[in-house]
Amino acid sequence: MHLIIKWFASALTLVIVSQLIPGFQLENFTTALVAALIISLVNAFLKPILTLLTLPITFLTLGLFSLVINAILLLLAAGLTPGFIVDGFGTALIASILITIISTLLHSLLK
């Protein structure tokens, strides 16, 4: 049950971000649910690999390169999800920062 609540909170986060950033678009809440699932899967399987491969760059930039990794993974998830559009890298970068902030707040409220 807890996993389903976190999934809905992640989808709600995507909807909130889509209202705040013009180039970040979702067709409807069902699309947000699918996008949240795909983002979770991409983060679970690809993010550890990319983080390991880019560890020297991440170390040199004091961790800021992880924001670039998050933006790239968000663009990948948008490409895999019909009805989920992210206009470009800058939009993905800003959206990934907002998603992190809002989802952290929502998940802390749910505990």
N, C-alpha and C. Protein backbone atom coordinates (compact mmCIF):
# COMPACT_ATOMS: atom_id res chain seq x y z
N MET A 1 0.82 -1.20 0.00
CA MET A 1 0.00 0.00 0.00
C MET A 1 0.86 1.25 0.00
N HIS A 2 1.97 1.20 0.77
CA HIS A 2 2.86 2.35 0.86
C HIS A 2 3.48 2.68 -0.50
N LEU A 3 3.78 1.64 -1.28
CA LEU A 3 4.36 1.84 -2.61
C LEU A 3 3.39 2.56 -3.55
N ILE A 4 2.12 2.22 -3.46
CA ILE A 4 1.10 2.86 -4.29
C ILE A 4 0.94 4.33 -3.92
N ILE A 5 1.00 4.63 -2.64
CA ILE A 5 0.89 6.02 -2.19
C ILE A 5 2.08 6.83 -2.69
N LYS A 6 3.28 6.25 -2.62
CA LYS A 6 4.47 6.94 -3.13
C LYS A 6 4.38 7.14 -4.64
N TRP A 7 3.81 6.18 -5.35
CA TRP A 7 3.64 6.29 -6.80
C TRP A 7 2.69 7.44 -7.14
N PHE A 8 1.56 7.53 -6.42
CA PHE A 8 0.62 8.62 -6.64
C PHE A 8 1.24 9.97 -6.26
N ALA A 9 2.05 10.00 -5.21
CA ALA A 9 2.72 11.24 -4.81
C ALA A 9 3.72 11.68 -5.89
N SER A 10 4.39 10.73 -6.49
CA SER A 10 5.32 11.05 -7.58
C SER A 10 4.57 11.58 -8.80
N ALA A 11 3.45 10.99 -9.11
CA ALA A 11 2.63 11.47 -10.22
C ALA A 11 2.09 12.87 -9.93
N LEU A 12 1.68 13.10 -8.70
CA LEU A 12 1.20 14.43 -8.31
C LEU A 12 2.33 15.46 -8.42
N THR A 13 3.52 15.06 -8.07
CA THR A 13 4.68 15.94 -8.22
C THR A 13 4.88 16.33 -9.68
N LEU A 14 4.76 15.37 -10.57
CA LEU A 14 4.90 15.66 -12.00
C LEU A 14 3.82 16.62 -12.48
N VAL A 15 2.61 16.45 -11.99
CA VAL A 15 1.51 17.35 -12.38
C VAL A 15 1.80 18.77 -11.88
N ILE A 16 2.28 18.89 -10.65
CA ILE A 16 2.60 20.21 -10.09
C ILE A 16 3.69 20.89 -10.91
N VAL A 17 4.73 20.13 -11.25
CA VAL A 17 5.83 20.69 -12.04
C VAL A 17 5.35 21.08 -13.43
N SER A 18 4.42 20.31 -14.00
CA SER A 18 3.90 20.65 -15.32
C SER A 18 3.11 21.96 -15.30
N GLN A 19 2.56 22.30 -14.14
CA GLN A 19 1.85 23.57 -14.01
C GLN A 19 2.81 24.74 -13.81
N LEU A 20 4.00 24.47 -13.32
CA LEU A 20 4.95 25.53 -13.01
C LEU A 20 5.92 25.83 -14.16
N ILE A 21 6.25 24.84 -14.97
CA ILE A 21 7.24 25.01 -16.03
C ILE A 21 6.55 24.87 -17.38
N PRO A 22 6.64 25.90 -18.24
CA PRO A 22 5.94 25.87 -19.53
C PRO A 22 6.34 24.74 -20.47
N GLY A 23 7.60 24.35 -20.54
CA GLY A 23 8.03 23.34 -21.49
C GLY A 23 7.90 21.92 -20.99
N PHE A 24 7.27 21.74 -19.85
CA PHE A 24 7.11 20.43 -19.22
C PHE A 24 5.62 20.11 -19.26
N GLN A 25 5.22 19.19 -20.14
CA GLN A 25 3.80 18.97 -20.38
C GLN A 25 3.39 17.51 -20.16
N LEU A 26 2.23 17.35 -19.55
CA LEU A 26 1.61 16.05 -19.37
C LEU A 26 0.18 16.14 -19.90
N GLU A 27 -0.26 15.10 -20.61
CA GLU A 27 -1.62 15.11 -21.15
C GLU A 27 -2.67 15.05 -20.05
N ASN A 28 -2.51 14.13 -19.11
CA ASN A 28 -3.49 13.95 -18.04
C ASN A 28 -2.84 13.22 -16.87
N PHE A 29 -3.62 12.91 -15.86
CA PHE A 29 -3.06 12.27 -14.67
C PHE A 29 -2.62 10.83 -14.95
N THR A 30 -3.29 10.16 -15.87
CA THR A 30 -2.89 8.81 -16.25
C THR A 30 -1.48 8.83 -16.86
N THR A 31 -1.23 9.83 -17.70
CA THR A 31 0.10 10.00 -18.26
C THR A 31 1.12 10.26 -17.16
N ALA A 32 0.73 11.03 -16.15
CA ALA A 32 1.62 11.30 -15.02
C ALA A 32 1.93 10.01 -14.25
N LEU A 33 0.93 9.14 -14.10
CA LEU A 33 1.16 7.86 -13.43
C LEU A 33 2.14 6.98 -14.21
N VAL A 34 1.96 6.92 -15.53
CA VAL A 34 2.86 6.14 -16.37
C VAL A 34 4.26 6.75 -16.34
N ALA A 35 4.34 8.07 -16.43
CA ALA A 35 5.63 8.75 -16.41
C ALA A 35 6.34 8.53 -15.08
N ALA A 36 5.61 8.57 -13.98
CA ALA A 36 6.20 8.33 -12.66
C ALA A 36 6.76 6.92 -12.58
N LEU A 37 6.05 5.96 -13.14
CA LEU A 37 6.52 4.58 -13.15
C LEU A 37 7.79 4.44 -13.99
N ILE A 38 7.79 5.04 -15.17
CA ILE A 38 8.95 4.94 -16.05
C ILE A 38 10.15 5.68 -15.44
N ILE A 39 9.93 6.83 -14.84
CA ILE A 39 11.02 7.55 -14.17
C ILE A 39 11.60 6.70 -13.05
N SER A 40 10.74 6.04 -12.30
CA SER A 40 11.22 5.17 -11.22
C SER A 40 12.06 4.02 -11.76
N LEU A 41 11.61 3.41 -12.85
CA LEU A 41 12.36 2.30 -13.44
C LEU A 41 13.69 2.76 -14.02
N VAL A 42 13.68 3.91 -14.71
CA VAL A 42 14.91 4.45 -15.27
C VAL A 42 15.89 4.79 -14.16
N ASN A 43 15.39 5.39 -13.08
CA ASN A 43 16.26 5.73 -11.95
C ASN A 43 16.79 4.48 -11.25
N ALA A 44 15.99 3.44 -11.20
CA ALA A 44 16.42 2.22 -10.52
C ALA A 44 17.48 1.46 -11.31
N PHE A 45 17.36 1.44 -12.64
CA PHE A 45 18.25 0.62 -13.43
C PHE A 45 19.40 1.39 -14.10
N LEU A 46 19.14 2.58 -14.61
CA LEU A 46 20.17 3.30 -15.34
C LEU A 46 20.97 4.29 -14.50
N LYS A 47 20.33 4.89 -13.51
CA LYS A 47 21.03 5.92 -12.72
C LYS A 47 22.26 5.39 -11.99
N PRO A 48 22.21 4.20 -11.37
CA PRO A 48 23.43 3.71 -10.72
C PRO A 48 24.58 3.50 -11.71
N ILE A 49 24.27 3.03 -12.90
CA ILE A 49 25.30 2.79 -13.91
C ILE A 49 25.90 4.12 -14.36
N LEU A 50 25.04 5.10 -14.67
CA LEU A 50 25.54 6.40 -15.11
C LEU A 50 26.31 7.11 -14.00
N THR A 51 25.85 6.97 -12.78
CA THR A 51 26.54 7.59 -11.65
C THR A 51 27.94 6.99 -11.49
N LEU A 52 28.04 5.70 -11.64
CA LEU A 52 29.34 5.04 -11.52
C LEU A 52 30.27 5.44 -12.66
N LEU A 53 29.74 5.50 -13.88
CA LEU A 53 30.56 5.86 -15.03
C LEU A 53 31.04 7.31 -14.99
N THR A 54 30.25 8.18 -14.40
CA THR A 54 30.59 9.60 -14.37
C THR A 54 31.10 10.04 -13.00
N LEU A 55 31.52 9.10 -12.19
CA LEU A 55 32.00 9.42 -10.85
C LEU A 55 33.14 10.43 -10.83
N PRO A 56 34.14 10.33 -11.71
CA PRO A 56 35.19 11.35 -11.68
C PRO A 56 34.69 12.76 -11.97
N ILE A 57 33.79 12.89 -12.95
CA ILE A 57 33.24 14.21 -13.28
C ILE A 57 32.39 14.72 -12.12
N THR A 58 31.60 13.83 -11.54
CA THR A 58 30.76 14.21 -10.40
C THR A 58 31.63 14.66 -9.22
N PHE A 59 32.71 13.96 -9.01
CA PHE A 59 33.63 14.33 -7.92
C PHE A 59 34.26 15.69 -8.18
N LEU A 60 34.70 15.93 -9.41
CA LEU A 60 35.33 17.21 -9.75
C LEU A 60 34.37 18.39 -9.65
N THR A 61 33.11 18.15 -9.93
CA THR A 61 32.11 19.23 -9.88
C THR A 61 31.40 19.29 -8.53
N LEU A 62 31.93 18.56 -7.56
CA LEU A 62 31.37 18.53 -6.21
C LEU A 62 29.91 18.08 -6.18
N GLY A 63 29.59 17.14 -7.06
CA GLY A 63 28.25 16.55 -7.08
C GLY A 63 27.27 17.23 -8.02
N LEU A 64 27.63 18.36 -8.59
CA LEU A 64 26.69 19.07 -9.45
C LEU A 64 26.39 18.34 -10.75
N PHE A 65 27.29 17.47 -11.18
CA PHE A 65 27.04 16.72 -12.41
C PHE A 65 25.87 15.75 -12.24
N SER A 66 25.53 15.41 -11.02
CA SER A 66 24.37 14.54 -10.79
C SER A 66 23.08 15.22 -11.26
N LEU A 67 23.05 16.55 -11.25
CA LEU A 67 21.89 17.26 -11.80
C LEU A 67 21.77 17.03 -13.30
N VAL A 68 22.91 16.97 -13.98
CA VAL A 68 22.92 16.70 -15.41
C VAL A 68 22.42 15.28 -15.68
N ILE A 69 22.86 14.34 -14.87
CA ILE A 69 22.40 12.95 -15.01
C ILE A 69 20.89 12.88 -14.81
N ASN A 70 20.37 13.56 -13.80
CA ASN A 70 18.92 13.57 -13.56
C ASN A 70 18.17 14.16 -14.74
N ALA A 71 18.69 15.23 -15.33
CA ALA A 71 18.03 15.85 -16.48
C ALA A 71 18.03 14.92 -17.68
N ILE A 72 19.14 14.23 -17.91
CA ILE A 72 19.23 13.29 -19.03
C ILE A 72 18.24 12.14 -18.84
N LEU A 73 18.15 11.63 -17.62
CA LEU A 73 17.22 10.53 -17.35
C LEU A 73 15.77 10.99 -17.47
N LEU A 74 15.50 12.24 -17.11
CA LEU A 74 14.15 12.78 -17.28
C LEU A 74 13.79 12.91 -18.76
N LEU A 75 14.75 13.35 -19.57
CA LEU A 75 14.52 13.42 -21.01
C LEU A 75 14.29 12.03 -21.60
N LEU A 76 15.03 11.04 -21.11
CA LEU A 76 14.83 9.66 -21.56
C LEU A 76 13.44 9.16 -21.20
N ALA A 77 13.01 9.42 -19.98
CA ALA A 77 11.68 8.99 -19.55
C ALA A 77 10.60 9.68 -20.37
N ALA A 78 10.81 10.95 -20.70
CA ALA A 78 9.83 11.67 -21.53
C ALA A 78 9.77 11.07 -22.92
N GLY A 79 10.91 10.63 -23.43
CA GLY A 79 10.93 10.00 -24.74
C GLY A 79 10.24 8.65 -24.76
N LEU A 80 10.22 7.98 -23.62
CA LEU A 80 9.60 6.65 -23.53
C LEU A 80 8.11 6.70 -23.18
N THR A 81 7.63 7.87 -22.73
CA THR A 81 6.25 7.99 -22.26
C THR A 81 5.42 8.80 -23.25
N PRO A 82 4.42 8.20 -23.88
CA PRO A 82 3.54 8.98 -24.76
C PRO A 82 2.73 9.99 -23.95
N GLY A 83 2.65 11.21 -24.45
CA GLY A 83 1.89 12.25 -23.76
C GLY A 83 2.70 13.02 -22.74
N PHE A 84 3.97 12.72 -22.60
CA PHE A 84 4.86 13.40 -21.66
C PHE A 84 5.94 14.09 -22.48
N ILE A 85 5.95 15.42 -22.46
CA ILE A 85 6.84 16.19 -23.31
C ILE A 85 7.71 17.11 -22.45
N VAL A 86 9.01 17.03 -22.69
CA VAL A 86 9.97 17.95 -22.08
C VAL A 86 10.69 18.62 -23.25
N ASP A 87 10.57 19.96 -23.34
CA ASP A 87 11.05 20.68 -24.52
C ASP A 87 12.55 20.60 -24.76
N GLY A 88 13.36 20.61 -23.73
CA GLY A 88 14.80 20.58 -23.96
C GLY A 88 15.57 20.31 -22.68
N PHE A 89 16.90 20.37 -22.81
CA PHE A 89 17.74 20.05 -21.68
C PHE A 89 17.58 21.05 -20.53
N GLY A 90 17.48 22.33 -20.85
CA GLY A 90 17.30 23.35 -19.81
C GLY A 90 16.02 23.15 -19.03
N THR A 91 14.96 22.83 -19.75
CA THR A 91 13.68 22.55 -19.10
C THR A 91 13.80 21.31 -18.23
N ALA A 92 14.48 20.28 -18.73
CA ALA A 92 14.65 19.05 -17.95
C ALA A 92 15.48 19.30 -16.70
N LEU A 93 16.49 20.15 -16.82
CA LEU A 93 17.34 20.46 -15.67
C LEU A 93 16.56 21.17 -14.57
N ILE A 94 15.81 22.19 -14.96
CA ILE A 94 14.99 22.93 -13.98
C ILE A 94 13.91 22.03 -13.41
N ALA A 95 13.28 21.23 -14.27
CA ALA A 95 12.21 20.32 -13.81
C ALA A 95 12.76 19.28 -12.85
N SER A 96 13.95 18.76 -13.12
CA SER A 96 14.50 17.74 -12.23
C SER A 96 14.80 18.31 -10.85
N ILE A 97 15.24 19.56 -10.81
CA ILE A 97 15.47 20.21 -9.52
C ILE A 97 14.15 20.40 -8.77
N LEU A 98 13.13 20.89 -9.47
CA LEU A 98 11.82 21.08 -8.85
C LEU A 98 11.19 19.76 -8.42
N ILE A 99 11.35 18.73 -9.24
CA ILE A 99 10.81 17.42 -8.90
C ILE A 99 11.44 16.91 -7.61
N THR A 100 12.73 17.09 -7.48
CA THR A 100 13.43 16.66 -6.27
C THR A 100 12.90 17.40 -5.04
N ILE A 101 12.76 18.70 -5.15
CA ILE A 101 12.29 19.50 -4.02
C ILE A 101 10.86 19.14 -3.64
N ILE A 102 9.96 19.13 -4.63
CA ILE A 102 8.54 18.88 -4.35
C ILE A 102 8.30 17.45 -3.87
N SER A 103 8.98 16.48 -4.50
CA SER A 103 8.76 15.09 -4.07
C SER A 103 9.31 14.85 -2.66
N THR A 104 10.41 15.52 -2.33
CA THR A 104 10.92 15.41 -0.96
C THR A 104 9.92 15.96 0.04
N LEU A 105 9.34 17.10 -0.28
CA LEU A 105 8.32 17.68 0.61
C LEU A 105 7.09 16.78 0.72
N LEU A 106 6.60 16.29 -0.40
CA LEU A 106 5.40 15.43 -0.38
C LEU A 106 5.67 14.13 0.37
N HIS A 107 6.81 13.50 0.14
CA HIS A 107 7.10 12.24 0.82
C HIS A 107 7.32 12.45 2.32
N SER A 108 7.86 13.60 2.69
CA SER A 108 8.01 13.85 4.13
C SER A 108 6.65 14.11 4.80
N LEU A 109 5.72 14.67 4.05
CA LEU A 109 4.36 14.88 4.59
C LEU A 109 3.62 13.56 4.74
N LEU A 110 3.93 12.60 3.88
CA LEU A 110 3.23 11.32 3.91
C LEU A 110 3.72 10.39 5.01
N LYS A 111 4.89 10.68 5.60
CA LYS A 111 5.42 9.80 6.64
C LYS A 111 4.75 9.98 7.94
